[in-house]
Amino acid sequence: MQRTIVTPPTYFAVSLDEIKDHLRVTHTDEDPYIQALLMTAQGQVESYLNRKLITQTWKAFFDDWPDGDAIVLPFGQLQSVTNVKYTDSDGDQSTFSSDDYIVDTDSEPGRVVLGYNESWPTATLYPSNPIEVQFVCGYGAHTPQDVEAASNETPIVITITGHGYTSNDIVYVYDVGGNTTADGIWAIEKVNDNTFKLLGSAGTAAHTSGGKVIKHDVPEPIVQAIKILTADLYENRETILVGTITSSLKTVKALLGNYRLFT
C-alpha cells in the first residue's frame, strides 16, 4: 500500500517547553538540538506503534477493491475520510460517492465500509495505484491556547474563552506570568465553557500576563514514552551505557504496549 502525506501536523505530541522541563534544561542554547531529538523520538514511537499521533491528512493507494465490504485504512485513530477516488484503465479519475459508503471511525484501525446493498465500482482499473483514499487521522492537534487569566486561589482557575476541554483532561500549562505555580501538567475540572480548574494547584501570586495551555490529546503513556526516549538521546550522545538504555527501552515498550496497532 502506497501512502503519501497531504497535510503534516503543525505541532508535536510533546512541546519543546515540556520536554525541556522534563530534561531540567533552562537555557535556550540547545533548543534546535533538543527539538531534533524530540522529532526523532516521536518518529520512533510512531513507527513502533504503526500510528500517526497528531492530526494530519494522508492518501492511501490500493491496487484493487477489497473482496469484502471494507477498506481498512492505516495508522489508526481515523477522524474522517475526505474522499474515495478511482482511476480507470483510460486514466480517467472518478469520485466514489460518499452516499455509497460509511466511514467507520469506531473500529481500530478505521475503515471505509460499503453501505447497505451497495457495491464497489466495476470499471476496469488503471494498472498502478488506481484507488485513492484521502483521510484525516491522529489523536488530536495539540494546539496551544492563550491563557487569559490564572486566578490566585486554590485550585487555580484558568480562563480561556471557548477552551473546548472537559473534566479529567490532562493539560500542560507554561509561561504563565506572575502566578507561576500554574505552570506544569495538570488534570482539570471544567467549570464552564470559558474556565477550568487545575486540580491540586494553589495560586501564589496574581496573574500578570501570558501563558499557554496544551491539552494532551495523545494518551499519557505515549507522551511519557516520547519523553523517556528523548531523554535517553539527550543524555547518551556518545558513550552508551547498555544496561541503562536496555532498562529504558523496556519501560518505553511497557508504556506503549496497549497502543500498538497490528495491521
Protein backbone atom coordinates (compact mmCIF):
# COMPACT_ATOMS: atom_id res chain seq x y z
CA MET A 1 0.00 0.00 0.00
CA GLN A 2 1.44 3.33 -1.10
CA ARG A 3 0.92 6.23 1.33
CA THR A 4 1.64 9.94 0.89
CA ILE A 5 1.15 12.78 3.33
CA VAL A 6 -1.08 15.67 2.26
CA THR A 7 -1.10 17.94 5.32
CA PRO A 8 1.52 17.32 8.01
CA PRO A 9 0.84 18.12 11.67
CA THR A 10 1.59 21.62 12.95
CA TYR A 11 2.65 20.57 16.45
CA PHE A 12 4.23 17.59 18.17
CA ALA A 13 2.93 15.29 20.88
CA VAL A 14 5.35 16.92 23.33
CA SER A 15 6.20 20.62 23.05
CA LEU A 16 9.74 21.98 23.27
CA ASP A 17 8.92 23.71 26.58
CA GLU A 18 7.53 20.49 28.04
CA ILE A 19 10.49 18.34 27.06
CA LYS A 20 12.89 20.97 28.44
CA ASP A 21 11.02 20.80 31.74
CA HIS A 22 11.46 17.02 31.67
CA LEU A 23 15.19 17.37 30.92
CA ARG A 24 15.63 20.13 33.55
CA VAL A 25 17.07 22.40 30.85
CA THR A 26 16.54 26.13 31.43
CA HIS A 27 18.76 27.68 28.75
CA THR A 28 17.94 28.10 25.06
CA ASP A 29 21.36 27.25 23.60
CA GLU A 30 20.37 23.71 22.65
CA ASP A 31 16.77 24.32 21.58
CA PRO A 32 17.28 23.26 17.93
CA TYR A 33 19.17 20.14 19.04
CA ILE A 34 16.55 19.18 21.62
CA GLN A 35 13.78 19.77 19.07
CA ALA A 36 15.56 17.43 16.64
CA LEU A 37 15.84 14.75 19.34
CA LEU A 38 12.15 15.18 20.15
CA MET A 39 11.21 14.74 16.48
CA THR A 40 13.36 11.61 16.31
CA ALA A 41 11.82 10.13 19.46
CA GLN A 42 8.27 10.77 18.25
CA GLY A 43 9.12 9.21 14.90
CA GLN A 44 10.44 6.09 16.62
CA VAL A 45 7.31 5.81 18.77
CA GLU A 46 5.03 6.24 15.75
CA SER A 47 6.98 3.59 13.85
CA TYR A 48 6.72 1.13 16.74
CA LEU A 49 3.00 1.80 17.21
CA ASN A 50 2.17 1.88 13.47
CA ARG A 51 0.30 5.11 14.23
CA LYS A 52 0.38 8.82 13.49
CA LEU A 53 -0.14 10.68 16.73
CA ILE A 54 -1.05 14.26 15.81
CA THR A 55 -3.87 15.23 13.43
CA GLN A 56 -2.72 15.01 9.79
CA THR A 57 -4.06 14.22 6.34
CA TRP A 58 -2.88 11.29 4.21
CA LYS A 59 -3.64 9.49 0.97
CA ALA A 60 -3.57 5.68 0.82
CA PHE A 61 -3.45 3.91 -2.55
CA PHE A 62 -4.73 0.42 -3.36
CA ASP A 63 -4.42 -1.78 -6.47
CA ASP A 64 -7.85 -3.43 -6.19
CA TRP A 65 -11.17 -3.06 -4.47
CA PRO A 66 -11.39 -5.38 -1.44
CA ASP A 67 -13.07 -8.78 -1.71
CA GLY A 68 -15.24 -7.86 1.26
CA ASP A 69 -17.21 -4.76 2.12
CA ALA A 70 -14.49 -2.66 3.81
CA ILE A 71 -11.27 -0.81 3.00
CA VAL A 72 -9.02 -0.81 6.07
CA LEU A 73 -7.02 2.40 6.45
CA PRO A 74 -3.59 2.70 8.07
CA PHE A 75 -2.37 4.49 11.22
CA GLY A 76 -5.44 4.13 13.47
CA GLN A 77 -7.40 6.96 15.14
CA LEU A 78 -9.31 7.68 11.93
CA GLN A 79 -11.06 11.03 12.22
CA SER A 80 -12.66 11.41 8.79
CA VAL A 81 -12.47 10.46 5.12
CA THR A 82 -12.20 13.32 2.64
CA ASN A 83 -12.88 11.30 -0.50
CA VAL A 84 -12.52 7.95 -2.25
CA LYS A 85 -11.36 8.14 -5.87
CA TYR A 86 -10.50 5.60 -8.54
CA THR A 87 -8.81 5.74 -11.94
CA ASP A 88 -9.98 3.57 -14.82
CA SER A 89 -7.86 1.90 -17.49
CA ASP A 90 -8.08 5.02 -19.70
CA GLY A 91 -6.55 7.16 -16.97
CA ASP A 92 -9.80 8.94 -16.08
CA GLN A 93 -10.36 9.57 -12.38
CA SER A 94 -13.80 9.43 -10.74
CA THR A 95 -15.02 10.01 -7.19
CA PHE A 96 -16.90 7.21 -5.44
CA SER A 97 -20.00 8.82 -3.94
CA SER A 98 -19.91 9.25 -0.17
CA ASP A 99 -23.60 8.24 -0.20
CA ASP A 100 -22.46 4.71 -1.02
CA TYR A 101 -20.15 4.12 1.93
CA ILE A 102 -19.90 4.57 5.70
CA VAL A 103 -16.83 5.98 7.45
CA ASP A 104 -16.17 3.72 10.44
CA THR A 105 -14.15 5.74 12.98
CA ASP A 106 -15.06 3.40 15.85
CA SER A 107 -13.07 0.41 14.59
CA GLU A 108 -9.34 0.33 15.14
CA PRO A 109 -7.97 0.74 12.54
CA GLY A 110 -10.68 2.79 10.84
CA ARG A 111 -12.50 1.63 7.72
CA VAL A 112 -14.47 2.69 4.67
CA VAL A 113 -17.47 0.33 4.66
CA LEU A 114 -19.94 -0.20 1.83
CA GLY A 115 -23.46 0.97 2.57
CA TYR A 116 -26.35 -1.48 2.65
CA ASN A 117 -26.95 -3.06 -0.77
CA GLU A 118 -24.11 -1.04 -2.35
CA SER A 119 -21.14 -2.37 -4.32
CA TRP A 120 -17.69 -1.20 -5.36
CA PRO A 121 -17.36 0.38 -8.84
CA THR A 122 -17.00 -2.13 -11.69
CA ALA A 123 -14.77 -0.09 -14.03
CA THR A 124 -11.54 -1.73 -15.21
CA LEU A 125 -8.85 -0.17 -13.04
CA TYR A 126 -5.62 1.56 -14.02
CA PRO A 127 -2.56 -0.71 -13.57
CA SER A 128 -0.82 1.36 -10.86
CA ASN A 129 -2.35 2.65 -7.60
CA PRO A 130 -5.81 3.21 -9.11
CA ILE A 131 -7.76 3.56 -5.84
CA GLU A 132 -7.04 6.59 -3.68
CA VAL A 133 -8.48 7.29 -0.24
CA GLN A 134 -7.75 10.64 1.40
CA PHE A 135 -8.29 10.68 5.15
CA VAL A 136 -7.54 12.50 8.39
CA CYS A 137 -6.07 10.59 11.35
CA GLY A 138 -4.44 11.21 14.73
CA TYR A 139 -5.41 11.70 18.36
CA GLY A 140 -5.69 15.49 18.11
CA ALA A 141 -3.94 18.68 17.06
CA HIS A 142 -2.13 19.60 20.33
CA THR A 143 -2.73 23.27 19.52
CA PRO A 144 -1.59 25.72 22.25
CA GLN A 145 -4.21 28.14 23.56
CA ASP A 146 -3.52 31.51 25.19
CA VAL A 147 -4.26 31.96 28.90
CA GLU A 148 -6.47 34.99 29.55
CA ALA A 149 -6.43 34.72 33.34
CA ALA A 150 -4.98 32.46 36.06
CA SER A 151 -6.66 33.13 39.40
CA ASN A 152 -4.70 33.42 42.64
CA GLU A 153 -6.76 30.84 44.51
CA THR A 154 -6.85 27.14 45.39
CA PRO A 155 -7.21 25.48 42.95
CA ILE A 156 -6.12 27.90 40.24
CA VAL A 157 -8.85 28.71 37.73
CA ILE A 158 -7.70 29.24 34.14
CA THR A 159 -9.72 31.39 31.76
CA ILE A 160 -9.62 30.63 28.02
CA THR A 161 -12.71 31.64 26.07
CA GLY A 162 -14.24 28.58 24.39
CA HIS A 163 -11.43 26.30 25.57
CA GLY A 164 -13.21 23.09 24.45
CA TYR A 165 -11.84 20.95 27.30
CA THR A 166 -13.73 18.51 29.52
CA SER A 167 -13.21 17.40 33.12
CA ASN A 168 -10.28 14.96 33.64
CA ASP A 169 -8.45 16.15 30.53
CA ILE A 170 -4.68 16.40 31.03
CA VAL A 171 -3.15 19.76 30.13
CA TYR A 172 0.33 21.25 30.09
CA VAL A 173 0.49 24.89 31.23
CA TYR A 174 3.58 27.03 30.65
CA ASP A 175 4.92 30.60 30.54
CA VAL A 176 2.31 31.99 32.95
CA GLY A 177 3.42 35.41 34.20
CA GLY A 178 3.10 36.20 37.91
CA ASN A 179 1.16 33.18 39.13
CA THR A 180 3.92 30.80 38.01
CA THR A 181 2.67 27.86 40.09
CA ALA A 182 0.09 27.36 37.34
CA ASP A 183 2.89 26.03 35.15
CA GLY A 184 3.06 22.26 34.89
CA ILE A 185 0.98 19.20 33.97
CA TRP A 186 -2.50 19.04 35.48
CA ALA A 187 -5.73 17.14 35.39
CA ILE A 188 -8.56 19.64 35.09
CA GLU A 189 -12.14 20.14 36.19
CA LYS A 190 -14.30 22.05 33.74
CA VAL A 191 -16.19 24.93 35.37
CA ASN A 192 -17.84 26.25 32.21
CA ASP A 193 -17.05 26.76 28.53
CA ASN A 194 -14.54 29.50 29.37
CA THR A 195 -12.90 28.36 32.62
CA PHE A 196 -11.44 25.25 34.25
CA LYS A 197 -9.63 24.35 37.48
CA LEU A 198 -6.12 22.92 37.70
CA LEU A 199 -6.73 20.09 40.18
CA GLY A 200 -4.22 20.04 43.03
CA SER A 201 -2.86 23.52 42.29
CA ALA A 202 -2.60 26.56 44.57
CA GLY A 203 -2.07 30.13 43.43
CA THR A 204 0.83 32.12 44.89
CA ALA A 205 0.53 35.45 43.07
CA ALA A 206 -1.64 37.46 40.73
CA HIS A 207 -1.52 36.63 37.04
CA THR A 208 0.36 39.40 35.29
CA SER A 209 0.45 38.27 31.66
CA GLY A 210 0.87 35.45 29.21
CA GLY A 211 0.73 31.71 29.49
CA LYS A 212 -0.29 28.89 27.19
CA VAL A 213 -2.15 25.60 27.60
CA ILE A 214 -1.85 22.44 25.53
CA LYS A 215 -4.29 19.58 26.01
CA HIS A 216 -2.68 16.15 25.88
CA ASP A 217 -4.83 14.62 23.13
CA VAL A 218 -2.27 11.82 22.84
CA PRO A 219 -2.64 9.25 25.68
CA GLU A 220 -0.34 9.99 28.60
CA PRO A 221 1.64 6.69 28.42
CA ILE A 222 2.63 7.55 24.83
CA VAL A 223 3.64 11.07 25.85
CA GLN A 224 5.80 9.70 28.67
CA ALA A 225 7.43 7.18 26.30
CA ILE A 226 8.44 10.02 23.97
CA LYS A 227 9.91 11.94 26.90
CA ILE A 228 11.93 8.92 28.05
CA LEU A 229 13.32 8.28 24.56
CA THR A 230 14.21 11.95 24.12
CA ALA A 231 15.98 11.98 27.49
CA ASP A 232 17.97 8.87 26.51
CA LEU A 233 19.09 10.54 23.29
CA TYR A 234 19.98 13.75 25.12
CA GLU A 235 21.94 12.09 27.92
CA ASN A 236 23.73 9.48 25.78
CA ARG A 237 25.25 11.48 22.95
CA GLU A 238 28.40 9.41 22.58
CA THR A 239 29.24 6.58 25.02
CA ILE A 240 26.16 4.40 25.55
CA LEU A 241 25.52 2.68 28.86
CA VAL A 242 23.96 -0.52 27.58
CA GLY A 243 22.29 -1.53 30.83
CA THR A 244 20.64 1.87 31.25
CA ILE A 245 19.41 2.00 27.66
CA THR A 246 18.01 -1.53 27.86
CA SER A 247 16.12 -0.67 31.04
CA SER A 248 14.69 2.49 29.46
CA LEU A 249 13.58 0.67 26.32
CA LYS A 250 11.78 -1.93 28.42
CA THR A 251 9.92 0.89 30.15
CA VAL A 252 9.06 2.50 26.83
CA LYS A 253 7.74 -0.76 25.38
CA ALA A 254 5.67 -1.35 28.51
CA LEU A 255 4.15 2.12 28.21
CA LEU A 256 3.36 1.64 24.51
CA GLY A 257 2.17 -1.97 24.58
CA ASN A 258 -1.56 -1.28 24.85
CA TYR A 259 -1.49 1.19 21.97
CA ARG A 260 0.45 -0.79 19.37
CA LEU A 261 -1.52 -1.31 16.17
CA PHE A 262 -1.03 -4.57 14.27
CA THR A 263 -2.13 -4.38 10.63
